[in-house]
Amino acid sequence: MSLYSDNEPYPIDEVIQVLEQRLVAIQCEIDNFTKMTAGLRKNEQLETSFYTTKKHLEMMRKRKQELGD
């Protein structure tokens, strides 16, 4: 599911919730990968996804504040 694939607006609270859940899921994947490789390797794709999602979450929180919710 992509929040950005159509032109319909989503309630900002729901967008924030989905992004928070996505961050938790990505962090779990990163932790599992780290355990599997004994911390010797990093998964750049997962880390990039984590930081991109985190940036989107921060933008949505900032936007929510601007709207006064």
N, C-alpha and C. Protein backbone atom coordinates (compact mmCIF):
# COMPACT_ATOMS: atom_id res chain seq x y z
N MET A 1 0.84 -1.18 0.00
CA MET A 1 0.00 0.00 0.00
C MET A 1 0.88 1.24 0.00
N SER A 2 0.53 2.18 -0.81
CA SER A 2 1.28 3.42 -0.87
C SER A 2 0.37 4.58 -0.53
N LEU A 3 0.84 5.43 0.34
CA LEU A 3 0.08 6.62 0.69
C LEU A 3 0.16 7.67 -0.40
N TYR A 4 1.07 7.50 -1.32
CA TYR A 4 1.35 8.54 -2.29
C TYR A 4 0.90 8.17 -3.71
N SER A 5 0.14 7.08 -3.88
CA SER A 5 -0.15 6.57 -5.21
C SER A 5 -1.43 7.13 -5.83
N ASP A 6 -2.20 7.88 -5.10
CA ASP A 6 -3.40 8.46 -5.69
C ASP A 6 -3.57 9.90 -5.22
N ASN A 7 -4.61 10.54 -5.71
CA ASN A 7 -4.81 11.95 -5.40
C ASN A 7 -5.81 12.19 -4.28
N GLU A 8 -6.29 11.14 -3.65
CA GLU A 8 -7.25 11.29 -2.57
C GLU A 8 -6.52 11.66 -1.28
N PRO A 9 -7.05 12.65 -0.57
CA PRO A 9 -6.41 13.01 0.70
C PRO A 9 -6.72 11.97 1.78
N TYR A 10 -5.75 11.69 2.60
CA TYR A 10 -5.93 10.80 3.74
C TYR A 10 -5.97 11.64 5.00
N PRO A 11 -6.73 11.23 6.02
CA PRO A 11 -6.69 11.96 7.29
C PRO A 11 -5.26 11.93 7.84
N ILE A 12 -4.77 13.08 8.25
CA ILE A 12 -3.36 13.18 8.65
C ILE A 12 -3.04 12.28 9.84
N ASP A 13 -4.00 12.08 10.74
CA ASP A 13 -3.76 11.19 11.88
C ASP A 13 -3.52 9.75 11.42
N GLU A 14 -4.25 9.33 10.39
CA GLU A 14 -4.07 7.98 9.86
C GLU A 14 -2.73 7.85 9.14
N VAL A 15 -2.33 8.88 8.43
CA VAL A 15 -1.03 8.86 7.75
C VAL A 15 0.08 8.74 8.78
N ILE A 16 -0.01 9.51 9.85
CA ILE A 16 1.00 9.46 10.91
C ILE A 16 1.04 8.07 11.53
N GLN A 17 -0.12 7.49 11.78
CA GLN A 17 -0.18 6.16 12.37
C GLN A 17 0.46 5.10 11.46
N VAL A 18 0.17 5.17 10.17
CA VAL A 18 0.75 4.21 9.21
C VAL A 18 2.27 4.37 9.15
N LEU A 19 2.74 5.60 9.13
CA LEU A 19 4.19 5.83 9.08
C LEU A 19 4.88 5.34 10.35
N GLU A 20 4.24 5.54 11.50
CA GLU A 20 4.81 5.04 12.76
C GLU A 20 4.89 3.52 12.75
N GLN A 21 3.84 2.87 12.26
CA GLN A 21 3.84 1.41 12.17
C GLN A 21 4.91 0.93 11.20
N ARG A 22 5.06 1.63 10.10
CA ARG A 22 6.08 1.27 9.11
C ARG A 22 7.49 1.39 9.71
N LEU A 23 7.71 2.44 10.49
CA LEU A 23 9.02 2.60 11.13
C LEU A 23 9.33 1.43 12.06
N VAL A 24 8.35 1.01 12.83
CA VAL A 24 8.53 -0.12 13.75
C VAL A 24 8.85 -1.39 12.95
N ALA A 25 8.12 -1.60 11.86
CA ALA A 25 8.35 -2.79 11.04
C ALA A 25 9.74 -2.79 10.42
N ILE A 26 10.16 -1.65 9.91
CA ILE A 26 11.49 -1.55 9.30
C ILE A 26 12.57 -1.77 10.36
N GLN A 27 12.38 -1.19 11.55
CA GLN A 27 13.36 -1.37 12.61
C GLN A 27 13.49 -2.84 12.99
N CYS A 28 12.37 -3.55 13.02
CA CYS A 28 12.40 -4.99 13.31
C CYS A 28 13.19 -5.74 12.24
N GLU A 29 12.98 -5.37 10.98
CA GLU A 29 13.73 -6.00 9.89
C GLU A 29 15.22 -5.72 10.02
N ILE A 30 15.57 -4.49 10.36
CA ILE A 30 16.98 -4.13 10.54
C ILE A 30 17.58 -4.94 11.69
N ASP A 31 16.85 -5.04 12.81
CA ASP A 31 17.34 -5.80 13.96
C ASP A 31 17.53 -7.27 13.60
N ASN A 32 16.57 -7.85 12.87
CA ASN A 32 16.69 -9.25 12.46
C ASN A 32 17.88 -9.46 11.53
N PHE A 33 18.09 -8.54 10.60
CA PHE A 33 19.22 -8.65 9.68
C PHE A 33 20.53 -8.55 10.45
N THR A 34 20.58 -7.65 11.42
CA THR A 34 21.79 -7.48 12.23
C THR A 34 22.09 -8.75 13.02
N LYS A 35 21.05 -9.38 13.57
CA LYS A 35 21.24 -10.63 14.32
C LYS A 35 21.72 -11.74 13.40
N MET A 36 21.14 -11.82 12.20
CA MET A 36 21.51 -12.89 11.26
C MET A 36 22.95 -12.76 10.80
N THR A 37 23.44 -11.53 10.71
CA THR A 37 24.80 -11.32 10.22
C THR A 37 25.77 -11.05 11.36
N ALA A 38 25.31 -11.25 12.58
CA ALA A 38 26.13 -11.02 13.78
C ALA A 38 26.69 -9.60 13.81
N GLY A 39 25.95 -8.67 13.24
CA GLY A 39 26.36 -7.27 13.26
C GLY A 39 27.50 -6.93 12.33
N LEU A 40 27.88 -7.88 11.46
CA LEU A 40 29.02 -7.65 10.58
C LEU A 40 28.64 -6.92 9.29
N ARG A 41 27.36 -6.96 8.94
CA ARG A 41 26.91 -6.31 7.70
C ARG A 41 25.72 -5.42 7.99
N LYS A 42 25.55 -4.42 7.14
CA LYS A 42 24.40 -3.54 7.23
C LYS A 42 23.60 -3.67 5.94
N ASN A 43 22.30 -3.49 6.05
CA ASN A 43 21.43 -3.51 4.89
C ASN A 43 21.10 -2.07 4.54
N GLU A 44 21.79 -1.55 3.54
CA GLU A 44 21.61 -0.14 3.17
C GLU A 44 20.20 0.17 2.69
N GLN A 45 19.58 -0.80 2.03
CA GLN A 45 18.22 -0.58 1.54
C GLN A 45 17.25 -0.38 2.70
N LEU A 46 17.36 -1.21 3.73
CA LEU A 46 16.49 -1.07 4.89
C LEU A 46 16.77 0.24 5.63
N GLU A 47 18.03 0.56 5.78
CA GLU A 47 18.38 1.80 6.48
C GLU A 47 17.90 3.04 5.73
N THR A 48 18.01 3.01 4.41
CA THR A 48 17.51 4.13 3.60
C THR A 48 16.00 4.24 3.74
N SER A 49 15.32 3.10 3.70
CA SER A 49 13.87 3.09 3.86
C SER A 49 13.48 3.64 5.24
N PHE A 50 14.23 3.26 6.26
CA PHE A 50 13.95 3.74 7.62
C PHE A 50 14.06 5.26 7.70
N TYR A 51 15.17 5.80 7.20
CA TYR A 51 15.38 7.24 7.31
C TYR A 51 14.43 8.04 6.41
N THR A 52 14.06 7.48 5.27
CA THR A 52 13.09 8.15 4.40
C THR A 52 11.72 8.19 5.06
N THR A 53 11.32 7.06 5.64
CA THR A 53 10.03 7.00 6.33
C THR A 53 10.03 7.93 7.54
N LYS A 54 11.14 7.97 8.25
CA LYS A 54 11.26 8.86 9.42
C LYS A 54 11.12 10.32 8.99
N LYS A 55 11.72 10.66 7.87
CA LYS A 55 11.63 12.03 7.35
C LYS A 55 10.17 12.36 6.98
N HIS A 56 9.50 11.42 6.32
CA HIS A 56 8.08 11.64 5.97
C HIS A 56 7.23 11.81 7.23
N LEU A 57 7.51 11.01 8.25
CA LEU A 57 6.76 11.11 9.50
C LEU A 57 6.97 12.48 10.14
N GLU A 58 8.19 12.95 10.16
CA GLU A 58 8.47 14.27 10.73
C GLU A 58 7.74 15.36 9.95
N MET A 59 7.70 15.23 8.62
CA MET A 59 7.00 16.21 7.79
C MET A 59 5.50 16.20 8.09
N MET A 60 4.93 15.02 8.26
CA MET A 60 3.50 14.92 8.56
C MET A 60 3.17 15.48 9.94
N ARG A 61 4.03 15.22 10.90
CA ARG A 61 3.81 15.78 12.25
C ARG A 61 3.89 17.31 12.22
N LYS A 62 4.85 17.82 11.47
CA LYS A 62 4.99 19.27 11.34
C LYS A 62 3.76 19.86 10.66
N ARG A 63 3.29 19.20 9.63
CA ARG A 63 2.09 19.68 8.92
C ARG A 63 0.87 19.66 9.84
N LYS A 64 0.77 18.62 10.66
CA LYS A 64 -0.36 18.52 11.59
C LYS A 64 -0.33 19.69 12.57
N GLN A 65 0.88 20.03 13.06
CA GLN A 65 1.02 21.18 13.95
C GLN A 65 0.61 22.47 13.26
N GLU A 66 0.98 22.62 12.02
CA GLU A 66 0.64 23.82 11.25
C GLU A 66 -0.87 23.95 11.10
N LEU A 67 -1.55 22.80 10.98
CA LEU A 67 -3.00 22.82 10.84
C LEU A 67 -3.71 23.06 12.16
N GLY A 68 -2.95 22.93 13.25
CA GLY A 68 -3.51 23.19 14.57
C GLY A 68 -4.25 22.03 15.20
N ASP A 69 -4.00 20.83 14.72
CA ASP A 69 -4.66 19.64 15.29
C ASP A 69 -3.91 19.12 16.48
